[in-house]
């Protein structure tokens, strides 16, 4: 059989084999999420004082810091990355009350304490001490987090991949086929915090009753073979 006969009788049918072997592909999106409650927080408190003399303002802040250190002595070992080295001293000018009065200059001193806690049971006792001494602070959603956020992200991603495979199995079943190997996959994930309830004012009655629930989500875009 010469080459011309081969091309007519054998080679032409073989050209259809790859097309027949590939039954098709399906591209879809898988989504996964994990709900969790923060178990840690980054906190910051500030001691401040104002006086006509810079030395007096500084001494008042030093007194407040001494009271703070004594008040948290029992908690000190549980405060992670503790720092109180942020000290600031500046002057501000008060506007005169009338035209004849000269502007007055006041010195403002402040010192900021920052640290992290891995046990939220410490939160309210620390807030109580800060309120008693007169330190200022602010609580916001970004200050609360989970100690194993990387593990939560991985669990959400695993759920998203499983969801993509499950959807592929469903599509293939409807087409009387089976879901095969992964051709390609793109991963996209991120945090989606849910509403949180917490104290944000600086009054002495502030207590945190709940830091709420959050949710970490992940999305994958995958293409599978259909067999």
N, C-alpha and C. Protein backbone atom coordinates (compact mmCIF):
# COMPACT_ATOMS: atom_id res chain seq x y z
N UNK A 1 0.86 -1.19 0.00
CA UNK A 1 0.00 0.00 0.00
C UNK A 1 0.90 1.24 0.00
N UNK A 2 0.72 2.12 -0.99
CA UNK A 2 1.57 3.31 -1.06
C UNK A 2 1.06 4.38 -0.11
N UNK A 3 1.83 5.46 -0.03
CA UNK A 3 1.48 6.53 0.91
C UNK A 3 0.16 7.18 0.57
N UNK A 4 -0.13 7.29 -0.76
CA UNK A 4 -1.37 7.93 -1.16
C UNK A 4 -2.56 7.11 -0.70
N UNK A 5 -2.45 5.76 -0.82
CA UNK A 5 -3.54 4.90 -0.36
C UNK A 5 -3.70 4.97 1.15
N UNK A 6 -2.54 5.06 1.89
CA UNK A 6 -2.57 5.15 3.36
C UNK A 6 -3.30 6.42 3.80
N UNK A 7 -3.01 7.50 3.11
CA UNK A 7 -3.63 8.74 3.50
C UNK A 7 -5.15 8.68 3.31
N UNK A 8 -5.59 7.93 2.25
CA UNK A 8 -7.02 7.86 2.00
C UNK A 8 -7.74 6.91 2.95
N UNK A 9 -7.12 5.78 3.29
CA UNK A 9 -7.82 4.73 4.01
C UNK A 9 -7.56 4.70 5.50
N UNK A 10 -6.33 5.02 5.94
CA UNK A 10 -5.98 4.87 7.36
C UNK A 10 -5.76 6.20 8.06
N UNK A 11 -4.96 7.04 7.45
CA UNK A 11 -4.56 8.26 8.14
C UNK A 11 -5.74 9.19 8.38
N UNK A 12 -6.66 9.29 7.46
CA UNK A 12 -7.82 10.16 7.65
C UNK A 12 -8.65 9.75 8.85
N UNK A 13 -9.02 8.46 9.05
CA UNK A 13 -9.76 8.07 10.25
C UNK A 13 -9.00 8.33 11.53
N UNK A 14 -7.64 8.13 11.51
CA UNK A 14 -6.86 8.36 12.72
C UNK A 14 -6.87 9.82 13.13
N UNK A 15 -7.06 10.70 12.18
CA UNK A 15 -7.07 12.12 12.51
C UNK A 15 -8.23 12.49 13.41
N UNK A 16 -9.29 11.67 13.46
CA UNK A 16 -10.45 11.95 14.29
C UNK A 16 -10.30 11.43 15.71
N UNK A 17 -9.27 10.61 15.99
CA UNK A 17 -9.14 9.98 17.31
C UNK A 17 -8.98 11.01 18.43
N UNK A 18 -8.08 12.05 18.32
CA UNK A 18 -7.97 13.01 19.41
C UNK A 18 -9.28 13.73 19.68
N UNK A 19 -10.02 14.07 18.67
CA UNK A 19 -11.29 14.77 18.86
C UNK A 19 -12.28 13.89 19.59
N UNK A 20 -12.29 12.61 19.30
CA UNK A 20 -13.19 11.69 19.96
C UNK A 20 -12.79 11.44 21.41
N UNK A 21 -11.44 11.46 21.65
CA UNK A 21 -10.96 11.17 23.00
C UNK A 21 -11.32 12.30 23.97
N UNK A 22 -11.35 13.56 23.48
CA UNK A 22 -11.68 14.68 24.34
C UNK A 22 -13.18 14.92 24.31
N UNK A 23 -13.86 14.47 25.37
CA UNK A 23 -15.31 14.61 25.38
C UNK A 23 -15.73 16.05 25.62
N UNK A 24 -14.86 16.90 26.21
CA UNK A 24 -15.18 18.29 26.46
C UNK A 24 -14.63 18.77 27.78
N UNK A 25 -14.87 20.03 28.06
CA UNK A 25 -14.43 20.63 29.30
C UNK A 25 -15.55 21.47 29.89
N UNK A 26 -15.48 21.72 31.19
CA UNK A 26 -16.45 22.59 31.84
C UNK A 26 -15.70 23.52 32.79
N UNK A 27 -16.00 24.82 32.71
CA UNK A 27 -15.40 25.82 33.60
C UNK A 27 -16.47 26.31 34.57
N UNK A 28 -16.11 26.39 35.85
CA UNK A 28 -17.07 26.80 36.86
C UNK A 28 -16.37 27.42 38.06
N UNK A 29 -17.19 27.93 38.97
CA UNK A 29 -16.68 28.60 40.17
C UNK A 29 -17.07 27.81 41.42
N UNK A 30 -16.12 27.66 42.32
CA UNK A 30 -16.39 27.02 43.61
C UNK A 30 -16.19 28.03 44.73
N UNK A 31 -17.06 27.99 45.72
CA UNK A 31 -16.99 28.92 46.84
C UNK A 31 -16.96 28.16 48.16
N UNK A 32 -16.15 28.67 49.09
CA UNK A 32 -16.05 28.05 50.42
C UNK A 32 -15.92 29.10 51.50
N UNK A 33 -16.38 28.81 52.68
CA UNK A 33 -16.30 29.77 53.78
C UNK A 33 -16.17 29.05 55.11
N UNK A 34 -15.64 29.76 56.08
CA UNK A 34 -15.51 29.26 57.45
C UNK A 34 -15.91 30.39 58.39
N UNK A 35 -16.88 30.17 59.25
CA UNK A 35 -17.29 31.15 60.25
C UNK A 35 -16.45 30.96 61.51
N UNK A 36 -16.07 32.08 62.12
CA UNK A 36 -15.24 32.00 63.32
C UNK A 36 -15.47 33.22 64.19
N UNK A 37 -14.99 33.12 65.42
CA UNK A 37 -15.07 34.23 66.36
C UNK A 37 -13.64 34.64 66.73
N UNK A 38 -13.30 35.92 66.62
CA UNK A 38 -11.94 36.35 66.99
C UNK A 38 -11.59 35.93 68.42
N UNK A 39 -10.32 35.59 68.60
CA UNK A 39 -9.87 35.19 69.93
C UNK A 39 -8.70 36.04 70.43
N UNK A 40 -8.32 37.08 69.65
CA UNK A 40 -7.18 37.91 70.01
C UNK A 40 -7.48 39.37 69.66
N UNK A 41 -6.68 40.27 70.22
CA UNK A 41 -6.89 41.69 69.94
C UNK A 41 -5.58 42.46 70.07
N UNK A 42 -5.45 43.52 69.26
CA UNK A 42 -4.35 44.47 69.38
C UNK A 42 -4.91 45.74 70.02
N UNK A 43 -4.33 46.13 71.14
CA UNK A 43 -4.88 47.24 71.91
C UNK A 43 -3.88 48.38 72.03
N UNK A 44 -4.43 49.57 72.22
CA UNK A 44 -3.59 50.76 72.38
C UNK A 44 -4.27 51.73 73.34
N UNK A 45 -3.53 52.17 74.35
CA UNK A 45 -4.03 53.13 75.33
C UNK A 45 -3.07 54.31 75.38
N UNK A 46 -3.62 55.48 75.67
CA UNK A 46 -2.79 56.69 75.70
C UNK A 46 -3.03 57.46 76.99
N UNK A 47 -1.93 57.80 77.65
CA UNK A 47 -1.96 58.68 78.82
C UNK A 47 -1.57 60.08 78.34
N UNK A 48 -2.34 61.09 78.72
CA UNK A 48 -2.04 62.45 78.26
C UNK A 48 -2.32 63.45 79.37
N UNK A 49 -1.60 64.58 79.32
CA UNK A 49 -1.77 65.65 80.30
C UNK A 49 -1.39 66.97 79.66
N UNK A 50 -1.96 68.03 80.19
CA UNK A 50 -1.72 69.37 79.64
C UNK A 50 -1.44 70.34 80.78
N UNK A 51 -0.41 71.18 80.56
CA UNK A 51 -0.04 72.15 81.60
C UNK A 51 0.68 73.31 80.95
N UNK A 52 0.76 74.43 81.68
CA UNK A 52 1.49 75.58 81.16
C UNK A 52 2.98 75.27 81.04
N UNK A 53 3.49 74.45 81.94
CA UNK A 53 4.91 74.10 81.93
C UNK A 53 5.12 72.70 81.36
N UNK A 54 6.04 72.53 80.43
CA UNK A 54 6.29 71.21 79.84
C UNK A 54 6.65 70.16 80.89
N UNK A 55 7.45 70.54 81.89
CA UNK A 55 7.87 69.60 82.91
C UNK A 55 6.68 69.07 83.70
N UNK A 56 5.75 69.95 83.99
CA UNK A 56 4.57 69.53 84.75
C UNK A 56 3.71 68.56 83.94
N UNK A 57 3.53 68.85 82.67
CA UNK A 57 2.76 67.96 81.81
C UNK A 57 3.42 66.60 81.72
N UNK A 58 4.74 66.60 81.60
CA UNK A 58 5.49 65.34 81.50
C UNK A 58 5.38 64.55 82.79
N UNK A 59 5.48 65.23 83.93
CA UNK A 59 5.41 64.54 85.22
C UNK A 59 4.02 63.93 85.45
N UNK A 60 2.98 64.63 85.01
CA UNK A 60 1.62 64.10 85.16
C UNK A 60 1.45 62.82 84.34
N UNK A 61 2.00 62.80 83.13
CA UNK A 61 1.92 61.60 82.30
C UNK A 61 2.72 60.47 82.94
N UNK A 62 3.87 60.79 83.49
CA UNK A 62 4.69 59.78 84.16
C UNK A 62 3.93 59.16 85.33
N UNK A 63 3.16 59.97 86.04
CA UNK A 63 2.36 59.47 87.16
C UNK A 63 1.28 58.52 86.67
N UNK A 64 0.60 58.91 85.59
CA UNK A 64 -0.44 58.04 85.01
C UNK A 64 0.16 56.70 84.55
N UNK A 65 1.34 56.75 83.94
CA UNK A 65 1.98 55.52 83.46
C UNK A 65 2.41 54.64 84.62
N UNK A 66 2.85 55.26 85.72
CA UNK A 66 3.22 54.48 86.90
C UNK A 66 2.00 53.76 87.46
N UNK A 67 0.86 54.46 87.50
CA UNK A 67 -0.38 53.84 87.97
C UNK A 67 -0.80 52.70 87.05
N UNK A 68 -0.64 52.89 85.75
CA UNK A 68 -1.01 51.86 84.77
C UNK A 68 -0.15 50.60 84.95
N UNK A 69 1.16 50.79 85.07
CA UNK A 69 2.05 49.63 85.20
C UNK A 69 1.75 48.85 86.48
N UNK A 70 1.42 49.57 87.53
CA UNK A 70 1.08 48.89 88.79
C UNK A 70 -0.25 48.15 88.64
N UNK A 71 -1.21 48.75 87.93
CA UNK A 71 -2.55 48.15 87.79
C UNK A 71 -2.52 46.88 86.96
N UNK A 72 -1.60 46.80 85.98
CA UNK A 72 -1.57 45.63 85.09
C UNK A 72 -0.48 44.63 85.47
N UNK A 73 0.06 44.79 86.65
CA UNK A 73 1.17 43.92 87.06
C UNK A 73 0.79 42.44 86.98
N UNK A 74 -0.45 42.11 87.36
CA UNK A 74 -0.88 40.71 87.34
C UNK A 74 -1.10 40.18 85.92
N UNK A 75 -1.26 41.09 84.95
CA UNK A 75 -1.53 40.68 83.57
C UNK A 75 -0.30 40.79 82.66
N UNK A 76 0.77 41.39 83.17
CA UNK A 76 1.92 41.73 82.33
C UNK A 76 2.45 40.55 81.53
N UNK A 77 2.53 39.38 82.14
CA UNK A 77 3.10 38.22 81.46
C UNK A 77 2.24 37.75 80.30
N UNK A 78 0.98 38.16 80.26
CA UNK A 78 0.07 37.72 79.20
C UNK A 78 -0.10 38.76 78.10
N UNK A 79 0.62 39.86 78.18
CA UNK A 79 0.55 40.91 77.18
C UNK A 79 1.69 40.71 76.18
N UNK A 80 1.35 40.42 74.95
CA UNK A 80 2.35 40.13 73.93
C UNK A 80 2.78 41.42 73.22
N UNK A 81 4.07 41.47 72.84
CA UNK A 81 4.63 42.61 72.10
C UNK A 81 4.32 43.93 72.80
N UNK A 82 4.51 43.95 74.09
CA UNK A 82 4.20 45.14 74.89
C UNK A 82 5.21 46.25 74.62
N UNK A 83 4.71 47.47 74.44
CA UNK A 83 5.59 48.63 74.24
C UNK A 83 4.91 49.88 74.79
N UNK A 84 5.68 50.68 75.53
CA UNK A 84 5.17 51.98 75.99
C UNK A 84 6.21 53.06 75.70
N UNK A 85 6.94 52.86 74.61
CA UNK A 85 8.03 53.77 74.26
C UNK A 85 7.58 54.97 73.44
N UNK A 86 6.31 55.02 73.06
CA UNK A 86 5.82 56.12 72.24
C UNK A 86 5.47 57.32 73.11
N UNK A 87 6.37 58.31 73.16
CA UNK A 87 6.20 59.49 74.00
C UNK A 87 6.16 60.72 73.10
N UNK A 88 5.28 61.64 73.41
CA UNK A 88 5.13 62.83 72.58
C UNK A 88 4.94 64.06 73.47
N UNK A 89 5.60 65.16 73.10
CA UNK A 89 5.46 66.42 73.82
C UNK A 89 5.39 67.55 72.80
N UNK A 90 4.35 68.35 72.88
CA UNK A 90 4.21 69.47 71.96
C UNK A 90 3.46 70.61 72.64
N UNK A 91 3.46 71.75 72.00
CA UNK A 91 2.78 72.93 72.53
C UNK A 91 1.62 73.32 71.64
N UNK A 92 0.59 73.85 72.25
CA UNK A 92 -0.53 74.37 71.47
C UNK A 92 -0.92 75.74 72.02
N UNK A 93 -1.42 76.56 71.15
CA UNK A 93 -1.77 77.93 71.53
C UNK A 93 -3.27 78.06 71.67
N UNK A 94 -3.67 78.58 72.82
CA UNK A 94 -5.09 78.81 73.08
C UNK A 94 -5.49 80.18 72.58
N UNK A 95 -6.58 80.28 71.89
CA UNK A 95 -7.01 81.61 71.41
C UNK A 95 -7.40 82.50 72.59
N UNK A 96 -7.14 83.79 72.50
CA UNK A 96 -7.51 84.70 73.61
C UNK A 96 -9.02 84.82 73.74
N UNK A 97 -9.45 85.03 74.98
CA UNK A 97 -10.88 85.16 75.24
C UNK A 97 -11.42 86.52 74.77
N UNK A 98 -10.54 87.52 74.78
CA UNK A 98 -10.93 88.83 74.26
C UNK A 98 -9.74 89.45 73.54
N UNK A 99 -9.93 90.59 72.96
CA UNK A 99 -8.89 91.21 72.16
C UNK A 99 -7.68 91.67 72.98
N UNK A 100 -7.91 92.00 74.20
CA UNK A 100 -6.83 92.52 75.03
C UNK A 100 -5.95 91.41 75.61
N UNK A 101 -6.44 90.21 75.63
CA UNK A 101 -5.69 89.11 76.24
C UNK A 101 -4.69 88.53 75.25
N UNK A 102 -3.52 88.22 75.75
CA UNK A 102 -2.49 87.60 74.92
C UNK A 102 -2.78 86.10 74.75
N UNK A 103 -2.45 85.53 73.60
CA UNK A 103 -2.62 84.07 73.42
C UNK A 103 -1.81 83.29 74.45
N UNK A 104 -2.35 82.22 74.94
CA UNK A 104 -1.67 81.40 75.94
C UNK A 104 -1.15 80.11 75.30
N UNK A 105 0.00 79.68 75.77
CA UNK A 105 0.62 78.46 75.25
C UNK A 105 0.53 77.36 76.30
N UNK A 106 0.08 76.21 75.88
CA UNK A 106 -0.03 75.05 76.78
C UNK A 106 0.85 73.92 76.25
N UNK A 107 1.48 73.21 77.15
CA UNK A 107 2.27 72.04 76.79
C UNK A 107 1.42 70.79 76.94
N UNK A 108 1.48 69.93 75.95
CA UNK A 108 0.71 68.68 75.96
C UNK A 108 1.68 67.51 75.88
N UNK A 109 1.61 66.64 76.85
CA UNK A 109 2.47 65.44 76.88
C UNK A 109 1.58 64.21 76.77
N UNK A 110 2.07 63.20 76.08
CA UNK A 110 1.31 61.95 75.95
C UNK A 110 2.27 60.78 75.83
N UNK A 111 1.80 59.63 76.24
CA UNK A 111 2.57 58.40 76.13
C UNK A 111 1.61 57.26 75.79
N UNK A 112 1.95 56.51 74.75
CA UNK A 112 1.05 55.47 74.24
C UNK A 112 1.57 54.08 74.57
N UNK A 113 0.65 53.23 75.00
CA UNK A 113 0.94 51.83 75.32
C UNK A 113 0.27 50.96 74.26
N UNK A 114 1.00 50.02 73.71
CA UNK A 114 0.42 49.09 72.74
C UNK A 114 0.85 47.67 73.04
N UNK A 115 -0.04 46.73 72.80
CA UNK A 115 0.27 45.32 73.04
C UNK A 115 -0.83 44.46 72.41
N UNK A 116 -0.62 43.17 72.48
CA UNK A 116 -1.57 42.20 71.92
C UNK A 116 -1.96 41.21 73.00
N UNK A 117 -3.24 40.83 73.01
CA UNK A 117 -3.69 39.79 73.93
C UNK A 117 -4.24 38.62 73.13
N UNK A 118 -3.91 37.41 73.57
CA UNK A 118 -4.37 36.19 72.91
C UNK A 118 -5.49 35.52 73.69
N UNK A 119 -6.00 36.22 74.69
CA UNK A 119 -7.11 35.72 75.49
C UNK A 119 -8.06 36.90 75.74
N UNK A 120 -9.22 36.88 75.08
CA UNK A 120 -10.14 38.01 75.18
C UNK A 120 -10.78 38.13 76.57
N UNK A 121 -10.56 37.14 77.42
CA UNK A 121 -11.05 37.27 78.79
C UNK A 121 -10.31 38.39 79.53
N UNK A 122 -9.16 38.79 79.01
CA UNK A 122 -8.39 39.88 79.63
C UNK A 122 -8.91 41.25 79.21
N UNK A 123 -9.73 41.31 78.17
CA UNK A 123 -10.12 42.59 77.59
C UNK A 123 -10.81 43.52 78.58
N UNK A 124 -11.91 43.08 79.16
CA UNK A 124 -12.66 43.96 80.06
C UNK A 124 -11.88 44.36 81.31
N UNK A 125 -11.12 43.45 81.95
CA UNK A 125 -10.31 43.89 83.09
C UNK A 125 -9.30 44.98 82.71
N UNK A 126 -8.70 44.87 81.52
CA UNK A 126 -7.75 45.89 81.09
C UNK A 126 -8.46 47.21 80.78
N UNK A 127 -9.63 47.13 80.16
CA UNK A 127 -10.40 48.34 79.89
C UNK A 127 -10.79 49.03 81.20
N UNK A 128 -11.15 48.23 82.19
CA UNK A 128 -11.55 48.80 83.48
C UNK A 128 -10.40 49.56 84.13
N UNK A 129 -9.20 48.98 84.05
CA UNK A 129 -8.03 49.66 84.62
C UNK A 129 -7.73 50.96 83.88
N UNK A 130 -7.83 50.91 82.54
CA UNK A 130 -7.56 52.11 81.75
C UNK A 130 -8.58 53.21 82.06
N UNK A 131 -9.84 52.82 82.23
CA UNK A 131 -10.89 53.79 82.52
C UNK A 131 -10.68 54.41 83.91
N UNK A 132 -10.28 53.60 84.86
CA UNK A 132 -10.08 54.08 86.23
C UNK A 132 -8.94 55.11 86.28
N UNK A 133 -7.88 54.83 85.54
CA UNK A 133 -6.71 55.72 85.56
C UNK A 133 -6.94 56.96 84.70
N UNK A 134 -7.76 56.80 83.67
CA UNK A 134 -8.03 57.94 82.78
C UNK A 134 -7.31 57.87 81.46
N UNK A 135 -6.88 56.67 81.04
CA UNK A 135 -6.25 56.52 79.73
C UNK A 135 -7.34 56.50 78.65
N UNK A 136 -7.00 56.99 77.50
CA UNK A 136 -7.95 56.99 76.39
C UNK A 136 -7.64 55.83 75.45
N UNK A 137 -8.66 55.39 74.73
CA UNK A 137 -8.50 54.27 73.81
C UNK A 137 -9.66 54.28 72.82
N UNK A 138 -9.53 53.47 71.81
CA UNK A 138 -10.60 53.27 70.82
C UNK A 138 -10.62 51.80 70.43
N UNK A 139 -11.82 51.23 70.35
CA UNK A 139 -11.96 49.85 69.92
C UNK A 139 -12.67 49.82 68.57
N UNK A 140 -12.09 49.11 67.61
CA UNK A 140 -12.70 48.98 66.29
C UNK A 140 -12.56 47.55 65.78
N UNK A 141 -13.31 47.20 64.75
CA UNK A 141 -13.30 45.83 64.21
C UNK A 141 -11.91 45.35 63.81
N UNK A 142 -11.08 46.25 63.28
CA UNK A 142 -9.76 45.82 62.78
C UNK A 142 -8.81 45.42 63.89
N UNK A 143 -9.15 45.73 65.14
CA UNK A 143 -8.27 45.37 66.24
C UNK A 143 -8.48 43.93 66.73
N UNK A 144 -9.54 43.29 66.28
CA UNK A 144 -9.83 41.92 66.70
C UNK A 144 -9.52 40.96 65.55
N UNK A 145 -8.92 39.83 65.89
CA UNK A 145 -8.52 38.86 64.86
C UNK A 145 -8.45 37.47 65.47
N UNK A 146 -8.21 36.48 64.63
CA UNK A 146 -8.06 35.10 65.10
C UNK A 146 -6.59 34.71 65.07
N UNK A 147 -6.18 33.96 66.06
CA UNK A 147 -4.77 33.59 66.17
C UNK A 147 -4.31 32.62 65.09
N UNK A 148 -5.25 31.97 64.40
CA UNK A 148 -4.89 31.03 63.32
C UNK A 148 -5.61 31.42 62.03
N UNK A 149 -5.42 32.65 61.59
CA UNK A 149 -6.10 33.11 60.39
C UNK A 149 -5.62 32.35 59.15
N UNK A 150 -4.35 31.99 59.11
CA UNK A 150 -3.85 31.23 57.96
C UNK A 150 -4.53 29.87 57.87
N UNK A 151 -4.73 29.22 59.02
CA UNK A 151 -5.43 27.93 59.01
C UNK A 151 -6.87 28.08 58.58
N UNK A 152 -7.53 29.18 58.97
CA UNK A 152 -8.90 29.42 58.56
C UNK A 152 -8.99 29.64 57.05
N UNK A 153 -8.03 30.38 56.50
CA UNK A 153 -8.01 30.62 55.06
C UNK A 153 -7.84 29.29 54.30
N UNK A 154 -6.99 28.43 54.81
CA UNK A 154 -6.77 27.14 54.14
C UNK A 154 -8.03 26.27 54.18
N UNK A 155 -8.74 26.32 55.30
CA UNK A 155 -9.98 25.54 55.39
C UNK A 155 -11.03 26.08 54.42
N UNK A 156 -11.11 27.40 54.32
CA UNK A 156 -12.06 28.00 53.38
C UNK A 156 -11.69 27.62 51.94
N UNK A 157 -10.39 27.63 51.63
CA UNK A 157 -9.94 27.26 50.29
C UNK A 157 -10.24 25.80 49.98
N UNK A 158 -10.02 24.94 50.97
CA UNK A 158 -10.34 23.52 50.77
C UNK A 158 -11.83 23.34 50.50
N UNK A 159 -12.65 24.10 51.21
CA UNK A 159 -14.10 24.02 50.97
C UNK A 159 -14.47 24.52 49.58
N UNK A 160 -13.77 25.55 49.11
CA UNK A 160 -14.04 26.08 47.77
C UNK A 160 -13.66 25.07 46.70
N UNK A 161 -12.54 24.40 46.87
CA UNK A 161 -12.11 23.39 45.90
C UNK A 161 -13.08 22.22 45.89
N UNK A 162 -13.51 21.80 47.08
CA UNK A 162 -14.48 20.71 47.17
C UNK A 162 -15.80 21.11 46.51
N UNK A 163 -16.18 22.36 46.66
CA UNK A 163 -17.41 22.85 46.05
C UNK A 163 -17.29 22.84 44.52
N UNK A 164 -16.13 23.23 44.01
CA UNK A 164 -15.92 23.22 42.56
C UNK A 164 -16.02 21.79 42.01
N UNK A 165 -15.40 20.85 42.70
CA UNK A 165 -15.47 19.45 42.26
C UNK A 165 -16.91 18.93 42.33
N UNK A 166 -17.63 19.29 43.38
CA UNK A 166 -19.02 18.85 43.51
C UNK A 166 -19.88 19.40 42.37
N UNK A 167 -19.66 20.65 42.01
CA UNK A 167 -20.42 21.25 40.91
C UNK A 167 -20.08 20.59 39.59
N UNK A 168 -18.82 20.27 39.43
CA UNK A 168 -18.40 19.57 38.21
C UNK A 168 -19.08 18.21 38.12
N UNK A 169 -19.11 17.48 39.24
CA UNK A 169 -19.77 16.17 39.24
C UNK A 169 -21.25 16.30 38.87
N UNK A 170 -21.90 17.35 39.37
CA UNK A 170 -23.31 17.55 39.06
C UNK A 170 -23.52 17.84 37.57
N UNK A 171 -22.70 18.73 37.01
CA UNK A 171 -22.82 19.06 35.59
C UNK A 171 -22.57 17.83 34.74
N UNK A 172 -21.53 17.07 35.08
CA UNK A 172 -21.20 15.88 34.30
C UNK A 172 -22.34 14.85 34.36
N UNK A 173 -22.95 14.70 35.52
CA UNK A 173 -24.05 13.75 35.67
C UNK A 173 -25.22 14.14 34.78
N UNK A 174 -25.50 15.45 34.70
CA UNK A 174 -26.60 15.90 33.85
C UNK A 174 -26.33 15.62 32.38
N UNK A 175 -25.06 15.56 32.02
CA UNK A 175 -24.67 15.30 30.63
C UNK A 175 -24.34 13.83 30.39
N UNK A 176 -24.61 13.01 31.44
CA UNK A 176 -24.31 11.57 31.36
C UNK A 176 -22.83 11.33 31.08
N UNK A 177 -22.00 12.11 31.75
CA UNK A 177 -20.56 11.96 31.65
C UNK A 177 -19.97 11.94 33.07
N UNK A 178 -18.67 11.97 33.17
CA UNK A 178 -18.02 12.01 34.47
C UNK A 178 -17.01 13.14 34.50
N UNK A 179 -16.80 13.70 35.70
CA UNK A 179 -15.86 14.80 35.88
C UNK A 179 -14.45 14.24 35.96
N UNK A 180 -13.57 14.76 35.13
CA UNK A 180 -12.21 14.23 35.06
C UNK A 180 -11.18 15.10 35.75
N UNK A 181 -9.98 15.15 35.18
CA UNK A 181 -8.87 15.88 35.77
C UNK A 181 -9.07 17.40 35.67
N UNK A 182 -8.36 18.09 36.54
CA UNK A 182 -8.38 19.55 36.51
C UNK A 182 -7.47 20.04 35.38
N UNK A 183 -8.02 20.88 34.52
CA UNK A 183 -7.23 21.47 33.43
C UNK A 183 -6.52 22.73 33.93
N UNK A 184 -7.22 23.57 34.65
CA UNK A 184 -6.64 24.79 35.22
C UNK A 184 -7.47 25.22 36.42
N UNK A 185 -6.83 26.00 37.31
CA UNK A 185 -7.55 26.50 38.49
C UNK A 185 -6.93 27.81 38.92
N UNK A 186 -7.78 28.79 39.24
CA UNK A 186 -7.34 30.09 39.76
C UNK A 186 -7.96 30.28 41.14
N UNK A 187 -7.15 30.76 42.06
CA UNK A 187 -7.58 30.88 43.45
C UNK A 187 -7.69 32.35 43.82
N UNK A 188 -8.78 32.70 44.50
CA UNK A 188 -8.97 34.06 44.99
C UNK A 188 -9.68 33.97 46.33
N UNK A 189 -9.09 34.57 47.37
CA UNK A 189 -9.71 34.50 48.69
C UNK A 189 -9.66 35.83 49.41
N UNK A 190 -10.39 35.97 50.51
CA UNK A 190 -10.37 37.21 51.28
C UNK A 190 -11.30 37.14 52.47
N UNK A 191 -11.11 38.06 53.41
CA UNK A 191 -11.94 38.11 54.61
C UNK A 191 -13.21 38.90 54.34
N UNK A 192 -14.30 38.44 54.93
CA UNK A 192 -15.55 39.20 54.89
C UNK A 192 -16.09 39.27 56.31
N UNK A 193 -15.69 40.31 57.07
CA UNK A 193 -16.16 40.39 58.46
C UNK A 193 -17.65 40.68 58.52
N UNK A 194 -18.32 40.03 59.46
CA UNK A 194 -19.73 40.28 59.70
C UNK A 194 -19.88 41.33 60.79
N UNK A 195 -21.10 41.88 60.99
CA UNK A 195 -21.28 42.94 61.99
C UNK A 195 -20.80 42.51 63.37
N UNK A 196 -20.18 43.45 64.07
CA UNK A 196 -19.63 43.17 65.39
C UNK A 196 -20.20 44.18 66.38
N UNK A 197 -20.37 43.75 67.62
CA UNK A 197 -20.85 44.64 68.68
C UNK A 197 -19.73 44.82 69.70
N UNK A 198 -19.38 46.08 69.95
CA UNK A 198 -18.31 46.32 70.91
C UNK A 198 -18.40 47.76 71.42
N UNK A 199 -17.70 48.02 72.52
CA UNK A 199 -17.67 49.38 73.06
C UNK A 199 -16.66 50.20 72.29
N UNK A 200 -17.01 51.45 71.96
CA UNK A 200 -16.09 52.32 71.26
C UNK A 200 -15.88 53.66 71.97
N UNK A 201 -16.74 53.98 72.92
CA UNK A 201 -16.57 55.23 73.67
C UNK A 201 -15.51 55.04 74.74
N UNK A 202 -15.28 56.09 75.50
CA UNK A 202 -14.23 56.03 76.52
C UNK A 202 -14.79 56.25 77.92
N UNK A 203 -16.07 56.03 78.10
CA UNK A 203 -16.68 56.20 79.41
C UNK A 203 -16.32 55.06 80.35
N UNK A 204 -16.52 55.29 81.62
CA UNK A 204 -16.13 54.29 82.61
C UNK A 204 -17.03 53.07 82.59
N UNK A 205 -18.19 53.17 81.95
CA UNK A 205 -19.11 52.03 81.93
C UNK A 205 -18.86 51.09 80.75
N UNK A 206 -17.83 51.38 79.94
CA UNK A 206 -17.58 50.57 78.76
C UNK A 206 -17.20 49.14 79.11
N UNK A 207 -17.91 48.19 78.54
CA UNK A 207 -17.53 46.78 78.60
C UNK A 207 -17.86 46.17 77.26
N UNK A 208 -17.11 45.16 76.88
CA UNK A 208 -17.35 44.47 75.62
C UNK A 208 -18.09 43.18 75.94
N UNK A 209 -19.30 43.06 75.43
CA UNK A 209 -20.09 41.87 75.69
C UNK A 209 -19.93 40.83 74.60
N UNK A 210 -19.60 41.25 73.39
CA UNK A 210 -19.42 40.31 72.29
C UNK A 210 -18.61 40.97 71.19
N UNK A 211 -17.69 40.22 70.61
CA UNK A 211 -16.92 40.73 69.47
C UNK A 211 -17.49 40.21 68.16
N UNK A 212 -18.62 39.48 68.24
CA UNK A 212 -19.31 39.07 67.02
C UNK A 212 -18.66 37.91 66.29
N UNK A 213 -19.26 37.60 65.16
CA UNK A 213 -18.81 36.48 64.32
C UNK A 213 -18.32 37.02 62.99
N UNK A 214 -17.25 36.43 62.49
CA UNK A 214 -16.72 36.80 61.18
C UNK A 214 -16.73 35.58 60.27
N UNK A 215 -16.40 35.84 59.03
CA UNK A 215 -16.41 34.76 58.04
C UNK A 215 -15.26 34.97 57.06
N UNK A 216 -14.45 33.95 56.87
CA UNK A 216 -13.40 34.01 55.87
C UNK A 216 -13.87 33.21 54.66
N UNK A 217 -13.71 33.78 53.48
CA UNK A 217 -14.22 33.15 52.26
C UNK A 217 -13.10 32.94 51.26
N UNK A 218 -13.31 31.98 50.37
CA UNK A 218 -12.36 31.72 49.29
C UNK A 218 -13.15 31.34 48.05
N UNK A 219 -12.62 31.71 46.89
CA UNK A 219 -13.26 31.40 45.62
C UNK A 219 -12.23 30.81 44.67
N UNK A 220 -12.61 29.79 43.94
CA UNK A 220 -11.74 29.21 42.92
C UNK A 220 -12.49 29.15 41.60
N UNK A 221 -11.79 29.43 40.51
CA UNK A 221 -12.33 29.28 39.16
C UNK A 221 -11.57 28.12 38.52
N UNK A 222 -12.27 27.05 38.22
CA UNK A 222 -11.61 25.83 37.77
C UNK A 222 -12.20 25.33 36.45
N UNK A 223 -11.36 24.68 35.68
CA UNK A 223 -11.78 24.02 34.45
C UNK A 223 -11.46 22.53 34.57
N UNK A 224 -12.46 21.67 34.33
CA UNK A 224 -12.30 20.21 34.43
C UNK A 224 -12.53 19.58 33.07
N UNK A 225 -11.89 18.44 32.89
CA UNK A 225 -12.21 17.62 31.73
C UNK A 225 -13.53 16.87 31.97
N UNK A 226 -14.27 16.64 30.95
CA UNK A 226 -15.47 15.80 31.00
C UNK A 226 -15.19 14.53 30.22
N UNK A 227 -15.37 13.41 30.88
CA UNK A 227 -15.10 12.12 30.24
C UNK A 227 -16.41 11.40 29.90
